[in-house]
């Protein structure tokens, strides 16, 4: 008797491949609330188009105010308009390393560790903060009319005079109290000041007092620290970041108020923990087609992961066969811009572009295990896709999908088998393969590298004894 077996799922590659070999590369899953055909649909992640190129060195920070993005590249602060026009505004004392950026509506403040700088927005005047009481800062935020910085290499944070990033008082500081660890970052969120240390996170708020602007809220603390300073970013109505506890466990979490909950699952966490030192991880967030994404990059091992708040699932991201190109993002006038981790390119992130800066994007999907318990035969396997998406010219005129089969739980795969999924206008074309042999355990890997729209709807195998 022949039976039709569905192949798609939403799991991740498990700590043991025999448990699950499922993976999605540069594909995100949408869970259909009212499925006409199938519950799951896999869509292509956005592509990248060069918008501005600052040269050979990566940008250090990007920040949006009004109708402009402000970008620090090397030792220069630039203003970038939405037509790509760049204007040099000032020079920093350093030319490498990430910078922190924040504004108070009047001034843009930048910190690079030892130094701070102010751009007066109304006049474009740019100057270093020279107040002898300014402590430096790795990160900067703004709350209740004051800039706030973490003092590098300590558990202390300082705040500025009201609406004036040039003026600091050596007595206007406080110390995170719950642990003697150093502060890694400060972040203002929902009217509260979040102090993220190496092993503990605290919540502070406005004290209402003139001489002590901020006070700790409540008596407790979150017993997790910020594992990577630049993994921290605003995500929907929460904060997303990589956190680490005293035992060394790494998790990606969302924090809203005093509650921090993990969004990484055990399989993703096992993968991340296996990377070793993750302190240089970078995080970014944006929304495409109703899907709020949080992406985290691990430069040491060249891996990128993305969490999708719509499906609550994870998938891998990749550019040119390695780390995804974008390390930080900003939004401006309806567009999303991303800065490259290796060079000075600033990209537009485009949902309807299917290359990364002109280079192919590999899209790959590994199915669930089909374990029949006994020898079974597959007479046909077919893929339901959005077909007829071929291009008029060049690579992708007859887009191809590659199939490889594992018969040992996802450990090894056999020969590549190719099929077309439709030249332009061939909307009824279906990719299929016949007479795939016999096995007890089947796992299928599908891969597409043509620069075309790639939408997977379902996959089925006709199986018999």
Protein backbone atom coordinates (compact mmCIF):
# COMPACT_ATOMS: atom_id res chain seq x y z
CA UNK A 1 0.00 0.00 0.00
CA UNK A 2 1.32 3.45 -0.93
CA UNK A 3 1.05 6.25 1.62
CA UNK A 4 1.85 9.96 1.30
CA UNK A 5 4.25 11.18 4.01
CA UNK A 6 4.69 14.95 4.68
CA UNK A 7 8.31 16.01 5.15
CA UNK A 8 8.37 19.58 6.48
CA UNK A 9 8.62 20.64 10.14
CA UNK A 10 9.85 23.58 12.21
CA UNK A 11 12.44 21.95 14.47
CA UNK A 12 16.15 22.72 14.74
CA UNK A 13 19.17 20.50 14.41
CA UNK A 14 19.43 18.66 17.73
CA UNK A 15 22.44 17.85 19.88
CA UNK A 16 22.15 14.40 18.29
CA UNK A 17 21.50 14.31 14.55
CA UNK A 18 19.56 11.10 15.07
CA UNK A 19 17.05 13.07 17.14
CA UNK A 20 16.63 15.84 14.54
CA UNK A 21 18.61 17.01 11.52
CA UNK A 22 16.15 19.78 10.64
CA UNK A 23 17.64 23.07 9.51
CA UNK A 24 16.61 26.15 7.57
CA UNK A 25 19.24 28.36 5.93
CA UNK A 26 18.16 31.82 4.73
CA UNK A 27 14.52 30.73 4.97
CA UNK A 28 11.99 31.77 7.59
CA UNK A 29 8.81 29.91 8.38
CA UNK A 30 5.32 31.39 8.52
CA UNK A 31 2.66 29.59 10.51
CA UNK A 32 -0.60 30.06 8.61
CA UNK A 33 -3.54 30.86 10.88
CA UNK A 34 -6.10 29.74 8.26
CA UNK A 35 -4.20 27.36 5.99
CA UNK A 36 -5.83 26.76 2.61
CA UNK A 37 -3.23 24.17 1.66
CA UNK A 38 -0.68 23.65 4.45
CA UNK A 39 0.09 24.96 7.92
CA UNK A 40 3.70 25.98 7.20
CA UNK A 41 5.21 28.11 4.43
CA UNK A 42 8.91 28.90 4.10
CA UNK A 43 9.86 32.31 2.64
CA UNK A 44 13.23 33.72 1.54
CA UNK A 45 15.07 36.08 3.88
CA UNK A 46 15.78 39.60 2.51
CA UNK A 47 18.69 40.41 0.23
CA UNK A 48 21.16 43.28 0.36
CA UNK A 49 21.75 46.18 -2.05
CA UNK A 50 24.66 48.58 -1.59
CA UNK A 51 23.39 52.05 -0.67
CA UNK A 52 26.55 53.89 0.45
CA UNK A 53 30.16 52.71 0.48
CA UNK A 54 32.51 54.32 3.03
CA UNK A 55 35.50 52.27 1.91
CA UNK A 56 37.55 49.37 3.25
CA UNK A 57 36.79 49.64 6.97
CA UNK A 58 33.55 48.65 8.76
CA UNK A 59 31.32 51.29 10.26
CA UNK A 60 31.45 51.63 14.04
CA UNK A 61 27.92 52.87 14.73
CA UNK A 62 24.70 53.91 13.01
CA UNK A 63 21.89 55.97 14.53
CA UNK A 64 18.72 57.49 13.08
CA UNK A 65 17.38 60.95 13.97
CA UNK A 66 14.58 62.51 11.95
CA UNK A 67 15.24 62.30 8.22
CA UNK A 68 18.88 61.23 8.52
CA UNK A 69 21.10 58.40 9.59
CA UNK A 70 24.30 59.26 11.43
CA UNK A 71 27.20 56.88 10.78
CA UNK A 72 30.63 56.66 12.38
CA UNK A 73 33.19 55.17 10.00
CA UNK A 74 36.87 55.18 10.96
CA UNK A 75 37.38 58.51 12.78
CA UNK A 76 34.61 60.43 11.01
CA UNK A 77 30.95 61.11 11.79
CA UNK A 78 28.78 61.27 8.66
CA UNK A 79 25.20 62.35 8.08
CA UNK A 80 23.48 60.19 5.46
CA UNK A 81 20.31 61.29 3.66
CA UNK A 82 17.81 58.87 2.16
CA UNK A 83 19.11 59.66 -1.34
CA UNK A 84 22.59 58.45 -0.38
CA UNK A 85 24.16 61.88 0.06
CA UNK A 86 26.83 61.85 2.81
CA UNK A 87 28.11 64.84 4.76
CA UNK A 88 31.19 64.75 7.01
CA UNK A 89 30.40 66.41 10.35
CA UNK A 90 33.38 65.84 12.62
CA UNK A 91 36.39 63.78 13.66
CA UNK A 92 36.80 61.39 16.58
CA UNK A 93 40.06 60.66 18.41
CA UNK A 94 39.79 56.93 17.67
CA UNK A 95 39.33 55.07 14.40
CA UNK A 96 38.31 51.52 15.37
CA UNK A 97 35.96 49.68 17.73
CA UNK A 98 32.20 50.05 18.16
CA UNK A 99 30.79 53.30 19.49
CA UNK A 100 27.70 53.98 21.59
CA UNK A 101 25.21 56.59 20.34
CA UNK A 102 22.15 58.31 21.81
CA UNK A 103 20.33 61.64 21.51
CA UNK A 104 18.26 64.02 23.63
CA UNK A 105 16.45 65.73 20.75
CA UNK A 106 18.99 68.57 20.78
CA UNK A 107 22.30 66.76 20.83
CA UNK A 108 23.66 63.49 19.49
CA UNK A 109 26.17 61.96 21.90
CA UNK A 110 28.84 59.43 20.88
CA UNK A 111 31.15 57.47 23.19
CA UNK A 112 34.14 55.36 22.16
CA UNK A 113 35.38 54.18 25.56
CA UNK A 114 37.71 56.88 26.83
CA UNK A 115 36.09 59.80 25.02
CA UNK A 116 32.74 61.41 24.41
CA UNK A 117 31.54 63.72 21.65
CA UNK A 118 28.51 65.94 21.03
CA UNK A 119 26.90 66.92 17.76
CA UNK A 120 24.55 69.89 18.17
CA UNK A 121 21.78 68.99 15.74
CA UNK A 122 20.58 72.52 14.98
CA UNK A 123 24.01 73.82 13.93
CA UNK A 124 25.99 70.66 13.01
CA UNK A 125 28.67 71.78 15.47
CA UNK A 126 30.75 68.78 16.58
CA UNK A 127 33.02 68.82 19.63
CA UNK A 128 34.68 66.55 22.16
CA UNK A 129 33.37 66.53 25.73
CA UNK A 130 36.17 68.20 27.72
CA UNK A 131 34.59 68.33 31.19
CA UNK A 132 37.19 66.81 33.56
CA UNK A 133 34.41 64.95 35.39
CA UNK A 134 33.31 63.06 32.28
CA UNK A 135 34.23 59.39 32.99
CA UNK A 136 34.22 58.08 29.42
CA UNK A 137 31.77 55.39 28.40
CA UNK A 138 31.35 52.19 26.44
CA UNK A 139 27.61 52.75 25.99
CA UNK A 140 25.31 55.76 26.33
CA UNK A 141 21.56 56.10 26.76
CA UNK A 142 19.11 58.91 27.56
CA UNK A 143 16.46 59.00 30.29
CA UNK A 144 14.62 61.80 32.08
CA UNK A 145 16.52 64.57 30.29
CA UNK A 146 19.97 63.18 31.12
CA UNK A 147 22.58 61.24 29.19
CA UNK A 148 23.81 58.19 31.12
CA UNK A 149 27.07 56.29 30.51
CA UNK A 150 28.70 53.27 32.08
CA UNK A 151 32.20 54.01 33.34
CA UNK A 152 34.57 51.57 31.55
CA UNK A 153 36.00 48.86 33.77
CA UNK A 154 33.78 49.53 36.78
CA UNK A 155 30.30 48.97 38.18
CA UNK A 156 29.51 52.69 38.18
CA UNK A 157 27.31 54.79 35.90
CA UNK A 158 27.27 58.58 35.57
CA UNK A 159 24.66 61.04 34.33
CA UNK A 160 24.94 64.44 32.68
CA UNK A 161 23.33 67.78 33.45
CA UNK A 162 19.78 68.27 32.18
CA UNK A 163 19.69 68.28 28.36
CA UNK A 164 23.42 68.97 28.21
CA UNK A 165 25.89 66.26 27.28
CA UNK A 166 28.84 68.65 27.68
CA UNK A 167 28.35 69.09 31.45
CA UNK A 168 29.11 66.40 34.05
CA UNK A 169 29.49 66.46 37.84
CA UNK A 170 31.94 64.02 39.45
CA UNK A 171 29.38 63.38 42.22
CA UNK A 172 26.56 62.48 39.83
CA UNK A 173 27.06 58.74 39.76
CA UNK A 174 25.83 55.52 41.37
CA UNK A 175 27.03 51.94 41.54
CA UNK A 176 25.16 48.80 40.58
CA UNK A 177 24.63 47.17 43.96
CA UNK A 178 23.72 43.52 43.53
CA UNK A 179 27.14 42.25 42.42
CA UNK A 180 30.73 43.56 42.35
CA UNK A 181 30.98 42.84 38.62
CA UNK A 182 31.60 45.50 35.97
CA UNK A 183 28.79 47.13 34.05
CA UNK A 184 28.75 46.05 30.41
CA UNK A 185 26.00 48.38 29.13
CA UNK A 186 23.31 50.85 30.14
CA UNK A 187 19.98 51.03 28.30
CA UNK A 188 16.85 53.13 28.88
CA UNK A 189 13.66 51.17 28.28
CA UNK A 190 10.01 52.02 29.07
CA UNK A 191 10.98 54.77 31.51
CA UNK A 192 13.45 52.56 33.39
CA UNK A 193 17.22 52.35 33.40
CA UNK A 194 18.53 48.84 32.73
CA UNK A 195 22.03 48.20 34.13
CA UNK A 196 23.49 45.10 32.51
CA UNK A 197 26.54 43.71 34.27
CA UNK A 198 28.81 40.78 33.60
CA UNK A 199 26.75 38.44 35.78
CA UNK A 200 23.76 40.43 37.13
CA UNK A 201 21.20 42.85 35.67
CA UNK A 202 19.48 45.56 37.75
CA UNK A 203 16.53 47.91 37.17
CA UNK A 204 16.76 51.55 38.24
CA UNK A 205 14.39 54.48 37.87
CA UNK A 206 13.97 58.20 38.42
CA UNK A 207 14.38 59.07 42.11
CA UNK A 208 12.78 62.52 41.93
CA UNK A 209 15.68 63.90 43.97
CA UNK A 210 17.93 66.71 42.74
CA UNK A 211 21.18 65.25 44.07
CA UNK A 212 20.61 61.55 43.25
CA UNK A 213 18.78 61.29 39.94
CA UNK A 214 18.33 57.51 39.88
CA UNK A 215 17.48 54.85 42.44
CA UNK A 216 17.24 51.07 42.31
CA UNK A 217 13.72 49.68 41.85
CA UNK A 218 12.89 46.77 44.13
CA UNK A 219 15.29 44.69 46.17
CA UNK A 220 16.20 41.97 43.69
CA UNK A 221 18.21 41.54 40.53
CA UNK A 222 18.19 39.25 37.51
CA UNK A 223 20.91 36.63 38.03
CA UNK A 224 22.08 36.78 34.42
CA UNK A 225 24.62 39.09 32.85
CA UNK A 226 25.08 40.54 29.37
CA UNK A 227 27.26 38.06 27.51
CA UNK A 228 28.03 40.32 24.54
CA UNK A 229 27.76 44.10 24.77
CA UNK A 230 26.71 44.63 21.16
CA UNK A 231 24.16 41.81 21.13
CA UNK A 232 21.82 44.15 23.03
CA UNK A 233 19.13 45.85 20.96
CA UNK A 234 15.54 47.05 21.10
CA UNK A 235 13.16 44.31 19.90
CA UNK A 236 9.44 45.10 19.52
CA UNK A 237 8.47 46.24 23.06
CA UNK A 238 11.36 44.46 24.79
CA UNK A 239 15.13 44.17 24.80
CA UNK A 240 16.86 41.22 23.14
CA UNK A 241 20.38 40.14 24.01
CA UNK A 242 22.74 37.26 24.69
CA UNK A 243 22.88 36.53 28.40
CA UNK A 244 25.23 34.33 30.41
CA UNK A 245 24.88 33.01 33.96
CA UNK A 246 27.61 32.22 36.48
CA UNK A 247 27.73 28.61 35.27
CA UNK A 248 28.59 29.66 31.73
CA UNK A 249 25.26 28.85 30.08
CA UNK A 250 24.51 31.15 27.15
CA UNK A 251 20.95 32.02 26.13
CA UNK A 252 19.25 34.58 23.94
CA UNK A 253 16.54 36.28 25.95
CA UNK A 254 13.89 38.97 25.84
CA UNK A 255 13.66 41.38 28.76
CA UNK A 256 10.58 43.42 29.57
CA UNK A 257 10.61 45.22 32.91
CA UNK A 258 12.29 42.96 35.46
CA UNK A 259 11.37 39.78 33.59
CA UNK A 260 13.90 38.13 31.28
CA UNK A 261 12.76 35.01 29.46
CA UNK A 262 14.81 32.85 27.08
CA UNK A 263 13.76 32.70 23.43
CA UNK A 264 16.54 30.32 22.41
CA UNK A 265 15.67 26.65 22.62
CA UNK A 266 17.98 23.95 24.08
CA UNK A 267 19.31 22.95 20.66
CA UNK A 268 20.24 26.52 19.70
CA UNK A 269 21.72 27.10 23.17
CA UNK A 270 23.88 23.98 22.90
CA UNK A 271 25.15 25.25 19.55
CA UNK A 272 25.94 28.73 20.92
CA UNK A 273 27.61 27.45 24.07
CA UNK A 274 29.82 25.29 21.87
CA UNK A 275 31.20 28.39 20.16
CA UNK A 276 33.39 29.19 23.19
CA UNK A 277 33.97 32.93 23.69
CA UNK A 278 30.85 34.73 22.45
CA UNK A 279 31.61 38.16 23.93
CA UNK A 280 32.06 39.68 20.46
CA UNK A 281 28.60 38.65 19.24
CA UNK A 282 26.52 41.38 17.60
CA UNK A 283 22.73 41.67 17.54
CA UNK A 284 20.25 43.57 15.40
CA UNK A 285 16.50 43.68 14.90
CA UNK A 286 14.08 44.70 12.18
CA UNK A 287 10.65 43.75 10.82
CA UNK A 288 9.77 42.44 7.35
CA UNK A 289 6.31 41.42 6.15
CA UNK A 290 4.92 41.27 9.68
CA UNK A 291 7.82 39.16 10.98
CA UNK A 292 9.90 40.80 13.75
CA UNK A 293 13.43 39.41 13.41
CA UNK A 294 16.29 39.36 15.91
CA UNK A 295 19.60 38.37 14.33
CA UNK A 296 22.70 37.46 16.30
CA UNK A 297 26.14 37.04 14.69
CA UNK A 298 29.12 35.16 16.10
CA UNK A 299 32.23 36.47 14.29
CA UNK A 300 34.70 34.09 15.96
CA UNK A 301 33.07 31.03 14.35
CA UNK A 302 31.46 32.78 11.36
CA UNK A 303 27.88 31.83 12.28
CA UNK A 304 24.64 33.85 12.22
CA UNK A 305 21.24 32.95 13.67
CA UNK A 306 17.86 34.67 13.35
CA UNK A 307 14.83 34.46 15.63
CA UNK A 308 11.38 35.10 14.14
CA UNK A 309 8.88 36.53 16.59
CA UNK A 310 5.94 35.50 14.40
CA UNK A 311 6.65 31.78 14.36
CA UNK A 312 8.82 31.76 17.56
CA UNK A 313 11.35 29.71 15.57
CA UNK A 314 15.05 29.99 14.66
CA UNK A 315 16.88 29.64 11.37
CA UNK A 316 20.45 30.15 10.22
CA UNK A 317 21.61 33.14 8.16
CA UNK A 318 24.58 33.18 5.82
CA UNK A 319 26.25 35.39 3.21
CA UNK A 320 28.89 34.23 0.71
CA UNK A 321 29.12 30.91 2.58
CA UNK A 322 29.90 32.44 5.99
CA UNK A 323 28.89 35.09 8.53
CA UNK A 324 25.95 37.22 7.44
CA UNK A 325 27.17 40.58 6.19
CA UNK A 326 25.05 42.85 8.42
CA UNK A 327 26.20 43.60 11.97
CA UNK A 328 24.00 46.61 12.86
CA UNK A 329 20.89 48.24 11.44
CA UNK A 330 18.94 51.47 11.39
CA UNK A 331 15.57 52.43 10.00
CA UNK A 332 14.91 55.55 7.93
CA UNK A 333 11.78 56.70 6.10
CA UNK A 334 10.36 53.21 5.66
CA UNK A 335 13.64 51.54 4.67
CA UNK A 336 16.01 49.36 6.70
CA UNK A 337 19.75 49.91 6.41
CA UNK A 338 22.47 47.52 7.52
CA UNK A 339 26.21 48.05 7.99
CA UNK A 340 28.69 45.40 6.83
CA UNK A 341 30.87 43.68 9.45
CA UNK A 342 33.99 43.71 7.25
CA UNK A 343 33.92 46.81 5.04
CA UNK A 344 32.32 50.24 4.84
CA UNK A 345 29.26 49.29 2.83
CA UNK A 346 25.86 50.39 4.07
CA UNK A 347 23.13 48.24 2.53
CA UNK A 348 19.43 48.51 2.01
CA UNK A 349 17.77 45.37 3.32
CA UNK A 350 15.26 44.44 0.61
CA UNK A 351 12.64 41.66 0.96
CA UNK A 352 12.26 41.37 -2.84
CA UNK A 353 15.97 41.12 -3.63
CA UNK A 354 17.42 37.62 -3.83
CA UNK A 355 21.17 38.29 -3.72
CA UNK A 356 23.52 39.71 -1.10
CA UNK A 357 25.26 42.63 -2.80
CA UNK A 358 25.01 40.78 -6.12
CA UNK A 359 26.25 37.44 -4.74
CA UNK A 360 24.01 34.34 -4.67
CA UNK A 361 22.15 33.49 -1.47
CA UNK A 362 22.09 29.77 -0.78
CA UNK A 363 18.73 28.64 0.61
CA UNK A 364 18.60 25.23 2.20
CA UNK A 365 15.99 23.18 4.00
CA UNK A 366 16.60 19.86 5.77
CA UNK A 367 13.44 17.87 6.43
CA UNK A 368 12.26 15.81 9.36
CA UNK A 369 13.46 12.22 9.74
CA UNK A 370 11.09 9.71 8.22
CA UNK A 371 11.75 6.55 10.22
CA UNK A 372 9.62 3.69 8.98
CA UNK A 373 11.02 1.06 11.35
CA UNK A 374 11.37 -1.34 8.44
CA UNK A 375 12.62 -1.20 4.89
CA UNK A 376 10.47 1.10 2.75
CA UNK A 377 10.58 2.29 -0.83
CA UNK A 378 10.00 5.82 -2.18
CA UNK A 379 8.52 5.80 -5.66
CA UNK A 380 8.18 9.60 -5.88
CA UNK A 381 9.07 12.74 -3.93
CA UNK A 382 7.64 16.10 -4.94
CA UNK A 383 7.87 19.68 -3.73
CA UNK A 384 5.07 22.20 -3.79
CA UNK A 385 6.65 25.62 -4.39
CA UNK A 386 5.89 29.01 -5.83
CA UNK A 387 6.87 27.99 -9.35
CA UNK A 388 7.35 29.90 -12.59
CA UNK A 389 9.72 32.38 -10.93
CA UNK A 390 12.58 32.08 -13.45
CA UNK A 391 14.38 35.19 -14.64
CA UNK A 392 14.45 36.53 -18.19
CA UNK A 393 18.26 36.52 -18.43
CA UNK A 394 21.30 35.07 -16.69
CA UNK A 395 21.49 32.65 -13.79
CA UNK A 396 17.98 31.68 -12.75
CA UNK A 397 16.29 31.56 -16.15
CA UNK A 398 15.55 27.89 -15.42
CA UNK A 399 15.84 27.78 -11.61
CA UNK A 400 17.02 24.49 -10.18
CA UNK A 401 16.52 22.75 -6.85
CA UNK A 402 18.98 20.15 -5.60
CA UNK A 403 17.98 17.09 -3.57
CA UNK A 404 20.32 14.91 -1.54
CA UNK A 405 19.23 11.99 0.63
CA UNK A 406 20.56 10.68 3.94
CA UNK A 407 19.79 7.13 4.94
CA UNK A 408 21.69 7.22 8.24
CA UNK A 409 19.89 9.84 10.33
CA UNK A 410 21.38 12.92 8.67
CA UNK A 411 25.06 12.04 9.14
CA UNK A 412 25.95 11.59 5.46
CA UNK A 413 24.19 12.42 2.20
CA UNK A 414 24.28 10.82 -1.23
CA UNK A 415 24.54 12.14 -4.77
CA UNK A 416 23.07 15.45 -5.88
CA UNK A 417 19.87 15.21 -7.92
CA UNK A 418 18.56 18.30 -9.70
CA UNK A 419 15.11 19.38 -10.88
CA UNK A 420 13.62 22.56 -12.33
CA UNK A 421 10.87 24.43 -10.52
CA UNK A 422 9.74 26.55 -13.43
CA UNK A 423 10.93 29.03 -16.01
CA UNK A 424 9.13 32.37 -15.98
CA UNK A 425 5.39 31.80 -16.32
CA UNK A 426 5.50 28.01 -15.79
CA UNK A 427 3.21 28.26 -12.79
CA UNK A 428 2.12 24.63 -12.78
CA UNK A 429 5.64 23.19 -12.85
CA UNK A 430 6.39 20.85 -9.94
CA UNK A 431 9.85 19.65 -8.90
CA UNK A 432 9.82 15.89 -8.39
CA UNK A 433 12.06 12.85 -8.30
CA UNK A 434 11.26 9.17 -8.91
CA UNK A 435 12.51 5.76 -7.75
CA UNK A 436 14.66 6.91 -4.85
CA UNK A 437 15.38 3.43 -3.55
CA UNK A 438 14.87 1.69 -0.20
CA UNK A 439 15.87 2.58 3.40
CA UNK A 440 14.65 2.41 7.00
CA UNK A 441 15.42 6.05 7.80
CA UNK A 442 15.13 8.94 5.38
CA UNK A 443 16.23 12.58 5.65
CA UNK A 444 16.11 14.98 2.70
CA UNK A 445 18.10 18.13 2.06
CA UNK A 446 16.88 20.70 -0.48
CA UNK A 447 19.14 23.50 -1.74
CA UNK A 448 18.66 26.43 -4.14
CA UNK A 449 21.33 28.97 -5.16
CA UNK A 450 19.61 30.67 -8.11
CA UNK A 451 18.71 34.34 -7.40
CA UNK A 452 14.95 33.84 -7.57
CA UNK A 453 12.03 33.98 -5.19
CA UNK A 454 12.11 30.74 -3.19
CA UNK A 455 8.91 29.76 -1.40
CA UNK A 456 8.43 26.21 -0.09
CA UNK A 457 4.84 25.16 0.59
CA UNK A 458 5.00 21.41 1.15
CA UNK A 459 6.96 18.26 0.39
CA UNK A 460 5.59 14.73 0.17
CA UNK A 461 7.01 11.28 -0.35
CA UNK A 462 5.08 8.31 -1.77
CA UNK A 463 6.23 5.39 0.33
CA UNK A 464 5.53 1.68 0.25
CA UNK A 465 6.95 -1.50 1.76
